[in-house]
Amino acid sequence: MKAKTVDKYIAGAPRKAQKRLREIRGLIEKIEPKAEERISYAIPAFFLNNKMLVYFAAFKNHVSIFPFTKEMGVSMKESKNYETSGKGTVRFPLDKPLPTTFIQKIVRQMVKNNLARTKK
């Protein structure tokens, strides 16, 4: 059964991932308190100005945020420490500390990109 709220998604995630998901959620809320939280494509997402801002999700051995692309302007050098995919996903293993500073940079850039798209 698919979760209808972010709280229910987190509660149904693998136990090891739940704390990480709450941390990511908190970082996003702190950076952009006006963002609207919802479930989209069966995973947690935040939207700003009715446009996608960021998705995040839990898996057995990692949590992910997306989209993440070279065009974002976030240091790709930093991303070399994490597994990424061609589909714009960056994965953070559950057995390592969550890189909050790196995640904050990604989210801040996503906010900038969102605001730029809104102005067009």
PDB file of N, CA and C in Angstrom:
ATOM      1  N   MET A   1       0.831  -1.182   0.000  1.00  0.00           N
ATOM      2  CA  MET A   1       0.000   0.000   0.000  1.00  0.00           C
ATOM      3  C   MET A   1       0.880   1.251   0.000  1.00  0.00           C
ATOM      4  N   LYS A   2       0.570   2.187  -0.854  1.00  0.00           N
ATOM      5  CA  LYS A   2       1.345   3.412  -0.966  1.00  0.00           C
ATOM      6  C   LYS A   2       0.905   4.420   0.088  1.00  0.00           C
ATOM      7  N   ALA A   3       1.889   5.103   0.668  1.00  0.00           N
ATOM      8  CA  ALA A   3       1.609   6.114   1.687  1.00  0.00           C
ATOM      9  C   ALA A   3       0.932   7.321   1.049  1.00  0.00           C
ATOM     10  N   LYS A   4       0.010   7.906   1.782  1.00  0.00           N
ATOM     11  CA  LYS A   4      -0.695   9.095   1.290  1.00  0.00           C
ATOM     12  C   LYS A   4      -0.135  10.379   1.888  1.00  0.00           C
ATOM     13  N   THR A   5       0.697  10.245   2.927  1.00  0.00           N
ATOM     14  CA  THR A   5       1.336  11.410   3.529  1.00  0.00           C
ATOM     15  C   THR A   5       2.818  11.121   3.740  1.00  0.00           C
ATOM     16  N   VAL A   6       3.589  12.182   3.908  1.00  0.00           N
ATOM     17  CA  VAL A   6       5.020  12.002   4.146  1.00  0.00           C
ATOM     18  C   VAL A   6       5.243  11.314   5.491  1.00  0.00           C
ATOM     19  N   ASP A   7       4.466  11.661   6.493  1.00  0.00           N
ATOM     20  CA  ASP A   7       4.593  10.988   7.793  1.00  0.00           C
ATOM     21  C   ASP A   7       4.400   9.485   7.651  1.00  0.00           C
ATOM     22  N   LYS A   8       3.403   9.082   6.885  1.00  0.00           N
ATOM     23  CA  LYS A   8       3.143   7.651   6.711  1.00  0.00           C
ATOM     24  C   LYS A   8       4.238   6.993   5.880  1.00  0.00           C
ATOM     25  N   TYR A   9       4.770   7.701   4.904  1.00  0.00           N
ATOM     26  CA  TYR A   9       5.881   7.164   4.112  1.00  0.00           C
ATOM     27  C   TYR A   9       7.073   6.889   5.034  1.00  0.00           C
ATOM     28  N   ILE A  10       7.419   7.872   5.852  1.00  0.00           N
ATOM     29  CA  ILE A  10       8.564   7.709   6.756  1.00  0.00           C
ATOM     30  C   ILE A  10       8.323   6.560   7.731  1.00  0.00           C
ATOM     31  N   ALA A  11       7.113   6.480   8.275  1.00  0.00           N
ATOM     32  CA  ALA A  11       6.790   5.405   9.220  1.00  0.00           C
ATOM     33  C   ALA A  11       6.887   4.027   8.562  1.00  0.00           C
ATOM     34  N   GLY A  12       6.630   3.946   7.266  1.00  0.00           N
ATOM     35  CA  GLY A  12       6.679   2.670   6.561  1.00  0.00           C
ATOM     36  C   GLY A  12       8.031   2.356   5.940  1.00  0.00           C
ATOM     37  N   ALA A  13       8.970   3.282   6.056  1.00  0.00           N
ATOM     38  CA  ALA A  13      10.312   3.089   5.479  1.00  0.00           C
ATOM     39  C   ALA A  13      11.118   2.127   6.347  1.00  0.00           C
ATOM     40  N   PRO A  14      12.178   1.555   5.790  1.00  0.00           N
ATOM     41  CA  PRO A  14      13.047   0.705   6.611  1.00  0.00           C
ATOM     42  C   PRO A  14      13.490   1.468   7.868  1.00  0.00           C
ATOM     43  N   ARG A  15      13.511   0.793   8.969  1.00  0.00           N
ATOM     44  CA  ARG A  15      13.791   1.419  10.267  1.00  0.00           C
ATOM     45  C   ARG A  15      15.075   2.254  10.262  1.00  0.00           C
ATOM     46  N   LYS A  16      16.125   1.723   9.654  1.00  0.00           N
ATOM     47  CA  LYS A  16      17.401   2.434   9.606  1.00  0.00           C
ATOM     48  C   LYS A  16      17.295   3.751   8.834  1.00  0.00           C
ATOM     49  N   ALA A  17      16.380   3.826   7.890  1.00  0.00           N
ATOM     50  CA  ALA A  17      16.258   5.004   7.032  1.00  0.00           C
ATOM     51  C   ALA A  17      15.365   6.094   7.623  1.00  0.00           C
ATOM     52  N   GLN A  18      14.523   5.755   8.582  1.00  0.00           N
ATOM     53  CA  GLN A  18      13.537   6.714   9.085  1.00  0.00           C
ATOM     54  C   GLN A  18      14.169   7.983   9.652  1.00  0.00           C
ATOM     55  N   LYS A  19      15.213   7.848  10.452  1.00  0.00           N
ATOM     56  CA  LYS A  19      15.871   9.019  11.031  1.00  0.00           C
ATOM     57  C   LYS A  19      16.457   9.890   9.923  1.00  0.00           C
ATOM     58  N   ARG A  20      17.065   9.266   8.934  1.00  0.00           N
ATOM     59  CA  ARG A  20      17.663  10.007   7.816  1.00  0.00           C
ATOM     60  C   ARG A  20      16.598  10.784   7.042  1.00  0.00           C
ATOM     61  N   LEU A  21      15.472  10.143   6.813  1.00  0.00           N
ATOM     62  CA  LEU A  21      14.395  10.816   6.094  1.00  0.00           C
ATOM     63  C   LEU A  21      13.901  12.037   6.873  1.00  0.00           C
ATOM     64  N   ARG A  22      13.771  11.888   8.180  1.00  0.00           N
ATOM     65  CA  ARG A  22      13.344  13.030   9.008  1.00  0.00           C
ATOM     66  C   ARG A  22      14.380  14.154   8.961  1.00  0.00           C
ATOM     67  N   GLU A  23      15.660  13.782   8.948  1.00  0.00           N
ATOM     68  CA  GLU A  23      16.719  14.793   8.866  1.00  0.00           C
ATOM     69  C   GLU A  23      16.663  15.546   7.532  1.00  0.00           C
ATOM     70  N   ILE A  24      16.524  14.813   6.447  1.00  0.00           N
ATOM     71  CA  ILE A  24      16.444  15.443   5.129  1.00  0.00           C
ATOM     72  C   ILE A  24      15.218  16.353   5.062  1.00  0.00           C
ATOM     73  N   ARG A  25      14.111  15.857   5.526  1.00  0.00           N
ATOM     74  CA  ARG A  25      12.877  16.646   5.547  1.00  0.00           C
ATOM     75  C   ARG A  25      13.087  17.946   6.322  1.00  0.00           C
ATOM     76  N   GLY A  26      13.707  17.849   7.480  1.00  0.00           N
ATOM     77  CA  GLY A  26      13.961  19.032   8.306  1.00  0.00           C
ATOM     78  C   GLY A  26      14.878  20.030   7.624  1.00  0.00           C
ATOM     79  N   LEU A  27      15.902  19.544   6.937  1.00  0.00           N
ATOM     80  CA  LEU A  27      16.809  20.435   6.210  1.00  0.00           C
ATOM     81  C   LEU A  27      16.054  21.204   5.125  1.00  0.00           C
ATOM     82  N   ILE A  28      15.213  20.502   4.394  1.00  0.00           N
ATOM     83  CA  ILE A  28      14.446  21.142   3.328  1.00  0.00           C
ATOM     84  C   ILE A  28      13.500  22.185   3.908  1.00  0.00           C
ATOM     85  N   GLU A  29      12.786  21.823   4.969  1.00  0.00           N
ATOM     86  CA  GLU A  29      11.837  22.752   5.601  1.00  0.00           C
ATOM     87  C   GLU A  29      12.545  23.993   6.130  1.00  0.00           C
ATOM     88  N   LYS A  30      13.735  23.824   6.663  1.00  0.00           N
ATOM     89  CA  LYS A  30      14.485  24.952   7.211  1.00  0.00           C
ATOM     90  C   LYS A  30      14.965  25.889   6.099  1.00  0.00           C
ATOM     91  N   ILE A  31      15.424  25.322   5.005  1.00  0.00           N
ATOM     92  CA  ILE A  31      15.935  26.125   3.892  1.00  0.00           C
ATOM     93  C   ILE A  31      14.800  26.841   3.167  1.00  0.00           C
ATOM     94  N   GLU A  32      13.684  26.163   2.952  1.00  0.00           N
ATOM     95  CA  GLU A  32      12.565  26.780   2.234  1.00  0.00           C
ATOM     96  C   GLU A  32      11.246  26.461   2.925  1.00  0.00           C
ATOM     97  N   PRO A  33      10.935  27.232   3.980  1.00  0.00           N
ATOM     98  CA  PRO A  33       9.711  26.961   4.746  1.00  0.00           C
ATOM     99  C   PRO A  33       8.411  27.133   3.953  1.00  0.00           C
ATOM    100  N   LYS A  34       8.463  27.819   2.825  1.00  0.00           N
ATOM    101  CA  LYS A  34       7.256  28.005   2.012  1.00  0.00           C
ATOM    102  C   LYS A  34       6.970  26.813   1.104  1.00  0.00           C
ATOM    103  N   ALA A  35       7.898  25.882   1.024  1.00  0.00           N
ATOM    104  CA  ALA A  35       7.703  24.721   0.147  1.00  0.00           C
ATOM    105  C   ALA A  35       6.562  23.856   0.663  1.00  0.00           C
ATOM    106  N   GLU A  36       5.813  23.325  -0.255  1.00  0.00           N
ATOM    107  CA  GLU A  36       4.658  22.471   0.064  1.00  0.00           C
ATOM    108  C   GLU A  36       5.079  21.005   0.002  1.00  0.00           C
ATOM    109  N   GLU A  37       4.813  20.298   1.063  1.00  0.00           N
ATOM    110  CA  GLU A  37       5.168  18.881   1.166  1.00  0.00           C
ATOM    111  C   GLU A  37       4.023  18.035   0.631  1.00  0.00           C
ATOM    112  N   ARG A  38       4.371  17.003  -0.137  1.00  0.00           N
ATOM    113  CA  ARG A  38       3.349  16.076  -0.633  1.00  0.00           C
ATOM    114  C   ARG A  38       3.994  14.767  -1.074  1.00  0.00           C
ATOM    115  N   ILE A  39       3.160  13.812  -1.365  1.00  0.00           N
ATOM    116  CA  ILE A  39       3.620  12.559  -1.967  1.00  0.00           C
ATOM    117  C   ILE A  39       3.420  12.708  -3.467  1.00  0.00           C
ATOM    118  N   SER A  40       4.472  12.423  -4.218  1.00  0.00           N
ATOM    119  CA  SER A  40       4.414  12.478  -5.678  1.00  0.00           C
ATOM    120  C   SER A  40       5.213  11.298  -6.204  1.00  0.00           C
ATOM    121  N   TYR A  41       4.673  10.593  -7.159  1.00  0.00           N
ATOM    122  CA  TYR A  41       5.316   9.371  -7.668  1.00  0.00           C
ATOM    123  C   TYR A  41       5.599   8.392  -6.525  1.00  0.00           C
ATOM    124  N   ALA A  42       4.721   8.384  -5.536  1.00  0.00           N
ATOM    125  CA  ALA A  42       4.757   7.455  -4.395  1.00  0.00           C
ATOM    126  C   ALA A  42       5.897   7.716  -3.410  1.00  0.00           C
ATOM    127  N   ILE A  43       6.563   8.873  -3.499  1.00  0.00           N
ATOM    128  CA  ILE A  43       7.629   9.216  -2.561  1.00  0.00           C
ATOM    129  C   ILE A  43       7.458  10.655  -2.077  1.00  0.00           C
ATOM    130  N   PRO A  44       8.122  11.020  -0.969  1.00  0.00           N
ATOM    131  CA  PRO A  44       8.024  12.392  -0.472  1.00  0.00           C
ATOM    132  C   PRO A  44       8.630  13.398  -1.449  1.00  0.00           C
ATOM    133  N   ALA A  45       7.971  14.541  -1.535  1.00  0.00           N
ATOM    134  CA  ALA A  45       8.448  15.606  -2.414  1.00  0.00           C
ATOM    135  C   ALA A  45       8.086  16.948  -1.804  1.00  0.00           C
ATOM    136  N   PHE A  46       8.841  17.945  -2.189  1.00  0.00           N
ATOM    137  CA  PHE A  46       8.508  19.318  -1.842  1.00  0.00           C
ATOM    138  C   PHE A  46       8.344  20.081  -3.145  1.00  0.00           C
ATOM    139  N   PHE A  47       7.322  20.936  -3.184  1.00  0.00           N
ATOM    140  CA  PHE A  47       7.051  21.785  -4.333  1.00  0.00           C
ATOM    141  C   PHE A  47       7.096  23.232  -3.878  1.00  0.00           C
ATOM    142  N   LEU A  48       7.565  24.098  -4.754  1.00  0.00           N
ATOM    143  CA  LEU A  48       7.619  25.531  -4.489  1.00  0.00           C
ATOM    144  C   LEU A  48       7.065  26.234  -5.709  1.00  0.00           C
ATOM    145  N   ASN A  49       6.155  27.170  -5.487  1.00  0.00           N
ATOM    146  CA  ASN A  49       5.505  27.867  -6.601  1.00  0.00           C
ATOM    147  C   ASN A  49       4.841  26.877  -7.551  1.00  0.00           C
ATOM    148  N   ASN A  50       4.297  25.833  -6.984  1.00  0.00           N
ATOM    149  CA  ASN A  50       3.609  24.770  -7.711  1.00  0.00           C
ATOM    150  C   ASN A  50       4.519  24.041  -8.712  1.00  0.00           C
ATOM    151  N   LYS A  51       5.826  24.107  -8.470  1.00  0.00           N
ATOM    152  CA  LYS A  51       6.807  23.397  -9.294  1.00  0.00           C
ATOM    153  C   LYS A  51       7.641  22.495  -8.389  1.00  0.00           C
ATOM    154  N   MET A  52       8.042  21.359  -8.927  1.00  0.00           N
ATOM    155  CA  MET A  52       8.835  20.414  -8.154  1.00  0.00           C
ATOM    156  C   MET A  52      10.114  21.085  -7.648  1.00  0.00           C
ATOM    157  N   LEU A  53      10.402  20.845  -6.384  1.00  0.00           N
ATOM    158  CA  LEU A  53      11.629  21.358  -5.778  1.00  0.00           C
ATOM    159  C   LEU A  53      12.615  20.215  -5.554  1.00  0.00           C
ATOM    160  N   VAL A  54      12.201  19.224  -4.764  1.00  0.00           N
ATOM    161  CA  VAL A  54      13.088  18.106  -4.451  1.00  0.00           C
ATOM    162  C   VAL A  54      12.264  16.890  -4.026  1.00  0.00           C
ATOM    163  N   TYR A  55      12.751  15.719  -4.401  1.00  0.00           N
ATOM    164  CA  TYR A  55      12.203  14.441  -3.953  1.00  0.00           C
ATOM    165  C   TYR A  55      13.221  13.790  -3.032  1.00  0.00           C
ATOM    166  N   PHE A  56      12.748  12.947  -2.134  1.00  0.00           N
ATOM    167  CA  PHE A  56      13.658  12.138  -1.328  1.00  0.00           C
ATOM    168  C   PHE A  56      12.981  10.822  -1.030  1.00  0.00           C
ATOM    169  N   ALA A  57      13.791   9.781  -0.831  1.00  0.00           N
ATOM    170  CA  ALA A  57      13.212   8.449  -0.676  1.00  0.00           C
ATOM    171  C   ALA A  57      14.151   7.536   0.101  1.00  0.00           C
ATOM    172  N   ALA A  58      13.573   6.461   0.610  1.00  0.00           N
ATOM    173  CA  ALA A  58      14.324   5.469   1.381  1.00  0.00           C
ATOM    174  C   ALA A  58      14.413   4.166   0.607  1.00  0.00           C
ATOM    175  N   PHE A  59      15.535   3.508   0.802  1.00  0.00           N
ATOM    176  CA  PHE A  59      15.766   2.206   0.225  1.00  0.00           C
ATOM    177  C   PHE A  59      16.410   1.330   1.291  1.00  0.00           C
ATOM    178  N   LYS A  60      16.660   0.093   0.986  1.00  0.00           N
ATOM    179  CA  LYS A  60      17.167  -0.846   1.984  1.00  0.00           C
ATOM    180  C   LYS A  60      18.486  -0.386   2.604  1.00  0.00           C
ATOM    181  N   ASN A  61      19.422   0.099   1.779  1.00  0.00           N
ATOM    182  CA  ASN A  61      20.750   0.446   2.278  1.00  0.00           C
ATOM    183  C   ASN A  61      21.128   1.916   2.129  1.00  0.00           C
ATOM    184  N   HIS A  62      20.208   2.731   1.650  1.00  0.00           N
ATOM    185  CA  HIS A  62      20.525   4.146   1.454  1.00  0.00           C
ATOM    186  C   HIS A  62      19.254   4.992   1.414  1.00  0.00           C
ATOM    187  N   VAL A  63      19.467   6.300   1.509  1.00  0.00           N
ATOM    188  CA  VAL A  63      18.408   7.268   1.219  1.00  0.00           C
ATOM    189  C   VAL A  63      18.906   8.081   0.035  1.00  0.00           C
ATOM    190  N   SER A  64      17.970   8.613  -0.731  1.00  0.00           N
ATOM    191  CA  SER A  64      18.335   9.371  -1.925  1.00  0.00           C
ATOM    192  C   SER A  64      17.588  10.688  -1.976  1.00  0.00           C
ATOM    193  N   ILE A  65      18.200  11.649  -2.664  1.00  0.00           N
ATOM    194  CA  ILE A  65      17.492  12.867  -3.042  1.00  0.00           C
ATOM    195  C   ILE A  65      17.687  13.057  -4.536  1.00  0.00           C
ATOM    196  N   PHE A  66      16.720  13.688  -5.141  1.00  0.00           N
ATOM    197  CA  PHE A  66      16.812  13.940  -6.572  1.00  0.00           C
ATOM    198  C   PHE A  66      15.860  15.046  -6.957  1.00  0.00           C
ATOM    199  N   PRO A  67      16.045  15.722  -8.053  1.00  0.00           N
ATOM    200  CA  PRO A  67      17.072  15.458  -9.045  1.00  0.00           C
ATOM    201  C   PRO A  67      18.404  16.061  -8.637  1.00  0.00           C
ATOM    202  N   PHE A  68      19.457  15.477  -9.141  1.00  0.00           N
ATOM    203  CA  PHE A  68      20.817  15.964  -8.908  1.00  0.00           C
ATOM    204  C   PHE A  68      21.551  15.841 -10.227  1.00  0.00           C
ATOM    205  N   THR A  69      21.928  16.976 -10.807  1.00  0.00           N
ATOM    206  CA  THR A  69      22.606  16.965 -12.097  1.00  0.00           C
ATOM    207  C   THR A  69      23.808  17.899 -12.088  1.00  0.00           C
ATOM    208  N   LYS A  70      24.702  17.707 -13.014  1.00  0.00           N
ATOM    209  CA  LYS A  70      25.879  18.566 -13.133  1.00  0.00           C
ATOM    210  C   LYS A  70      25.483  20.019 -13.376  1.00  0.00           C
ATOM    211  N   GLU A  71      24.371  20.223 -14.049  1.00  0.00           N
ATOM    212  CA  GLU A  71      23.919  21.565 -14.387  1.00  0.00           C
ATOM    213  C   GLU A  71      23.476  22.373 -13.161  1.00  0.00           C
ATOM    214  N   MET A  72      23.343  21.725 -12.028  1.00  0.00           N
ATOM    215  CA  MET A  72      22.871  22.415 -10.824  1.00  0.00           C
ATOM    216  C   MET A  72      23.871  23.437 -10.318  1.00  0.00           C
ATOM    217  N   GLY A  73      25.133  23.257 -10.625  1.00  0.00           N
ATOM    218  CA  GLY A  73      26.139  24.173 -10.116  1.00  0.00           C
ATOM    219  C   GLY A  73      26.667  23.758  -8.749  1.00  0.00           C
ATOM    220  N   VAL A  74      26.189  22.672  -8.209  1.00  0.00           N
ATOM    221  CA  VAL A  74      26.693  22.160  -6.938  1.00  0.00           C
ATOM    222  C   VAL A  74      27.968  21.390  -7.247  1.00  0.00           C
ATOM    223  N   SER A  75      28.914  21.476  -6.378  1.00  0.00           N
ATOM    224  CA  SER A  75      30.218  20.865  -6.609  1.00  0.00           C
ATOM    225  C   SER A  75      30.114  19.371  -6.909  1.00  0.00           C
ATOM    226  N   MET A  76      30.464  19.040  -8.128  1.00  0.00           N
ATOM    227  CA  MET A  76      30.482  17.630  -8.500  1.00  0.00           C
ATOM    228  C   MET A  76      31.638  16.918  -7.813  1.00  0.00           C
ATOM    229  N   LYS A  77      32.650  17.676  -7.410  1.00  0.00           N
ATOM    230  CA  LYS A  77      33.775  17.098  -6.673  1.00  0.00           C
ATOM    231  C   LYS A  77      33.259  16.471  -5.377  1.00  0.00           C
ATOM    232  N   GLU A  78      32.361  17.198  -4.700  1.00  0.00           N
ATOM    233  CA  GLU A  78      31.765  16.662  -3.468  1.00  0.00           C
ATOM    234  C   GLU A  78      30.940  15.415  -3.746  1.00  0.00           C
ATOM    235  N   SER A  79      30.275  15.382  -4.885  1.00  0.00           N
ATOM    236  CA  SER A  79      29.393  14.249  -5.174  1.00  0.00           C
ATOM    237  C   SER A  79      30.177  12.974  -5.448  1.00  0.00           C
ATOM    238  N   LYS A  80      31.477  13.076  -5.710  1.00  0.00           N
ATOM    239  CA  LYS A  80      32.279  11.888  -5.972  1.00  0.00           C
ATOM    240  C   LYS A  80      32.324  10.953  -4.766  1.00  0.00           C
ATOM    241  N   ASN A  81      31.990  11.471  -3.593  1.00  0.00           N
ATOM    242  CA  ASN A  81      31.965  10.659  -2.382  1.00  0.00           C
ATOM    243  C   ASN A  81      30.698   9.805  -2.272  1.00  0.00           C
ATOM    244  N   TYR A  82      29.767  10.016  -3.212  1.00  0.00           N
ATOM    245  CA  TYR A  82      28.471   9.337  -3.141  1.00  0.00           C
ATOM    246  C   TYR A  82      28.119   8.738  -4.490  1.00  0.00           C
ATOM    247  N   GLU A  83      27.331   7.704  -4.430  1.00  0.00           N
ATOM    248  CA  GLU A  83      26.876   7.079  -5.664  1.00  0.00           C
ATOM    249  C   GLU A  83      25.803   7.962  -6.297  1.00  0.00           C
ATOM    250  N   THR A  84      25.939   8.198  -7.590  1.00  0.00           N
ATOM    251  CA  THR A  84      24.945   8.980  -8.320  1.00  0.00           C
ATOM    252  C   THR A  84      24.472   8.155  -9.508  1.00  0.00           C
ATOM    253  N   SER A  85      23.363   8.560 -10.080  1.00  0.00           N
ATOM    254  CA  SER A  85      22.868   7.863 -11.260  1.00  0.00           C
ATOM    255  C   SER A  85      22.634   8.867 -12.372  1.00  0.00           C
ATOM    256  N   GLY A  86      22.566   8.380 -13.568  1.00  0.00           N
ATOM    257  CA  GLY A  86      22.291   9.212 -14.725  1.00  0.00           C
ATOM    258  C   GLY A  86      20.904   9.815 -14.689  1.00  0.00           C
ATOM    259  N   LYS A  87      20.060   9.304 -13.831  1.00  0.00           N
ATOM    260  CA  LYS A  87      18.695   9.819 -13.726  1.00  0.00           C
ATOM    261  C   LYS A  87      18.580  10.934 -12.699  1.00  0.00           C
ATOM    262  N   GLY A  88      19.717  11.416 -12.193  1.00  0.00           N
ATOM    263  CA  GLY A  88      19.679  12.551 -11.287  1.00  0.00           C
ATOM    264  C   GLY A  88      19.476  12.200  -9.828  1.00  0.00           C
ATOM    265  N   THR A  89      19.966  11.055  -9.419  1.00  0.00           N
ATOM    266  CA  THR A  89      19.827  10.621  -8.031  1.00  0.00           C
ATOM    267  C   THR A  89      21.190  10.624  -7.354  1.00  0.00           C
ATOM    268  N   VAL A  90      21.222  11.092  -6.120  1.00  0.00           N
ATOM    269  CA  VAL A  90      22.424  10.944  -5.309  1.00  0.00           C
ATOM    270  C   VAL A  90      22.026  10.119  -4.093  1.00  0.00           C
ATOM    271  N   ARG A  91      22.838   9.103  -3.801  1.00  0.00           N
ATOM    272  CA  ARG A  91      22.517   8.147  -2.732  1.00  0.00           C
ATOM    273  C   ARG A  91      23.447   8.340  -1.543  1.00  0.00           C
ATOM    274  N   PHE A  92      22.861   8.256  -0.353  1.00  0.00           N
ATOM    275  CA  PHE A  92      23.623   8.386   0.883  1.00  0.00           C
ATOM    276  C   PHE A  92      23.468   7.092   1.676  1.00  0.00           C
ATOM    277  N   PRO A  93      24.558   6.324   1.836  1.00  0.00           N
ATOM    278  CA  PRO A  93      24.480   5.045   2.544  1.00  0.00           C
ATOM    279  C   PRO A  93      24.026   5.229   3.989  1.00  0.00           C
ATOM    280  N   LEU A  94      23.278   4.265   4.458  1.00  0.00           N
ATOM    281  CA  LEU A  94      22.757   4.329   5.826  1.00  0.00           C
ATOM    282  C   LEU A  94      23.832   4.068   6.870  1.00  0.00           C
ATOM    283  N   ASP A  95      24.944   3.485   6.465  1.00  0.00           N
ATOM    284  CA  ASP A  95      25.996   3.173   7.436  1.00  0.00           C
ATOM    285  C   ASP A  95      27.045   4.281   7.567  1.00  0.00           C
ATOM    286  N   LYS A  96      26.782   5.441   6.956  1.00  0.00           N
ATOM    287  CA  LYS A  96      27.700   6.580   7.052  1.00  0.00           C
ATOM    288  C   LYS A  96      26.920   7.815   7.479  1.00  0.00           C
ATOM    289  N   PRO A  97      27.610   8.783   8.082  1.00  0.00           N
ATOM    290  CA  PRO A  97      26.910  10.006   8.495  1.00  0.00           C
ATOM    291  C   PRO A  97      26.265  10.718   7.302  1.00  0.00           C
ATOM    292  N   LEU A  98      25.122  11.314   7.541  1.00  0.00           N
ATOM    293  CA  LEU A  98      24.425  12.063   6.509  1.00  0.00           C
ATOM    294  C   LEU A  98      25.180  13.372   6.253  1.00  0.00           C
ATOM    295  N   PRO A  99      25.542  13.666   5.009  1.00  0.00           N
ATOM    296  CA  PRO A  99      26.314  14.878   4.700  1.00  0.00           C
ATOM    297  C   PRO A  99      25.394  16.107   4.625  1.00  0.00           C
ATOM    298  N   THR A 100      25.031  16.614   5.784  1.00  0.00           N
ATOM    299  CA  THR A 100      24.022  17.675   5.829  1.00  0.00           C
ATOM    300  C   THR A 100      24.448  18.935   5.070  1.00  0.00           C
ATOM    301  N   THR A 101      25.716  19.307   5.144  1.00  0.00           N
ATOM    302  CA  THR A 101      26.173  20.507   4.436  1.00  0.00           C
ATOM    303  C   THR A 101      26.019  20.328   2.928  1.00  0.00           C
ATOM    304  N   PHE A 102      26.375  19.177   2.423  1.00  0.00           N
ATOM    305  CA  PHE A 102      26.238  18.884   0.994  1.00  0.00           C
ATOM    306  C   PHE A 102      24.763  18.893   0.590  1.00  0.00           C
ATOM    307  N   ILE A 103      23.909  18.286   1.386  1.00  0.00           N
ATOM    308  CA  ILE A 103      22.475  18.260   1.090  1.00  0.00           C
ATOM    309  C   ILE A 103      21.912  19.683   1.105  1.00  0.00           C
ATOM    310  N   GLN A 104      22.341  20.501   2.048  1.00  0.00           N
ATOM    311  CA  GLN A 104      21.881  21.888   2.099  1.00  0.00           C
ATOM    312  C   GLN A 104      22.273  22.633   0.823  1.00  0.00           C
ATOM    313  N   LYS A 105      23.482  22.420   0.335  1.00  0.00           N
ATOM    314  CA  LYS A 105      23.925  23.061  -0.910  1.00  0.00           C
ATOM    315  C   LYS A 105      23.025  22.643  -2.071  1.00  0.00           C
ATOM    316  N   ILE A 106      22.727  21.357  -2.141  1.00  0.00           N
ATOM    317  CA  ILE A 106      21.876  20.850  -3.216  1.00  0.00           C
ATOM    318  C   ILE A 106      20.497  21.502  -3.137  1.00  0.00           C
ATOM    319  N   VAL A 107      19.909  21.512  -1.956  1.00  0.00           N
ATOM    320  CA  VAL A 107      18.559  22.065  -1.803  1.00  0.00           C
ATOM    321  C   VAL A 107      18.557  23.566  -2.096  1.00  0.00           C
ATOM    322  N   ARG A 108      19.559  24.289  -1.629  1.00  0.00           N
ATOM    323  CA  ARG A 108      19.623  25.732  -1.925  1.00  0.00           C
ATOM    324  C   ARG A 108      19.685  25.981  -3.428  1.00  0.00           C
ATOM    325  N   GLN A 109      20.457  25.152  -4.129  1.00  0.00           N
ATOM    326  CA  GLN A 109      20.539  25.314  -5.577  1.00  0.00           C
ATOM    327  C   GLN A 109      19.202  24.978  -6.232  1.00  0.00           C
ATOM    328  N   MET A 110      18.509  23.974  -5.716  1.00  0.00           N
ATOM    329  CA  MET A 110      17.199  23.624  -6.257  1.00  0.00           C
ATOM    330  C   MET A 110      16.212  24.776  -6.063  1.00  0.00           C
ATOM    331  N   VAL A 111      16.297  25.454  -4.920  1.00  0.00           N
ATOM    332  CA  VAL A 111      15.433  26.616  -4.667  1.00  0.00           C
ATOM    333  C   VAL A 111      15.749  27.706  -5.690  1.00  0.00           C
ATOM    334  N   LYS A 112      17.031  27.998  -5.909  1.00  0.00           N
ATOM    335  CA  LYS A 112      17.430  29.017  -6.897  1.00  0.00           C
ATOM    336  C   LYS A 112      16.889  28.649  -8.277  1.00  0.00           C
ATOM    337  N   ASN A 113      17.053  27.384  -8.664  1.00  0.00           N
ATOM    338  CA  ASN A 113      16.569  26.943  -9.968  1.00  0.00           C
ATOM    339  C   ASN A 113      15.056  27.099 -10.062  1.00  0.00           C
ATOM    340  N   ASN A 114      14.360  26.749  -8.996  1.00  0.00           N
ATOM    341  CA  ASN A 114      12.909  26.859  -8.965  1.00  0.00           C
ATOM    342  C   ASN A 114      12.471  28.312  -9.139  1.00  0.00           C
ATOM    343  N   LEU A 115      13.106  29.219  -8.402  1.00  0.00           N
ATOM    344  CA  LEU A 115      12.754  30.634  -8.471  1.00  0.00           C
ATOM    345  C   LEU A 115      13.052  31.204  -9.860  1.00  0.00           C
ATOM    346  N   ALA A 116      14.139  30.758 -10.466  1.00  0.00           N
ATOM    347  CA  ALA A 116      14.474  31.205 -11.825  1.00  0.00           C
ATOM    348  C   ALA A 116      13.417  30.729 -12.834  1.00  0.00           C
ATOM    349  N   ARG A 117      12.950  29.487 -12.686  1.00  0.00           N
ATOM    350  CA  ARG A 117      11.904  28.960 -13.581  1.00  0.00           C
ATOM    351  C   ARG A 117      10.599  29.713 -13.391  1.00  0.00           C
ATOM    352  N   THR A 118      10.333  30.118 -12.146  1.00  0.00           N
ATOM    353  CA  THR A 118       9.090  30.830 -11.844  1.00  0.00           C
ATOM    354  C   THR A 118       9.078  32.223 -12.479  1.00  0.00           C
ATOM    355  N   LYS A 119      10.243  32.862 -12.522  1.00  0.00           N
ATOM    356  CA  LYS A 119      10.333  34.209 -13.098  1.00  0.00           C
ATOM    357  C   LYS A 119      10.114  34.235 -14.591  1.00  0.00           C
ATOM    358  N   LYS A 120      10.398  33.103 -15.259  1.00  0.00           N
ATOM    359  CA  LYS A 120      10.264  33.050 -16.736  1.00  0.00           C
ATOM    360  C   LYS A 120       8.829  33.085 -17.172  1.00  0.00           C
TER     361      LYS A 120
END
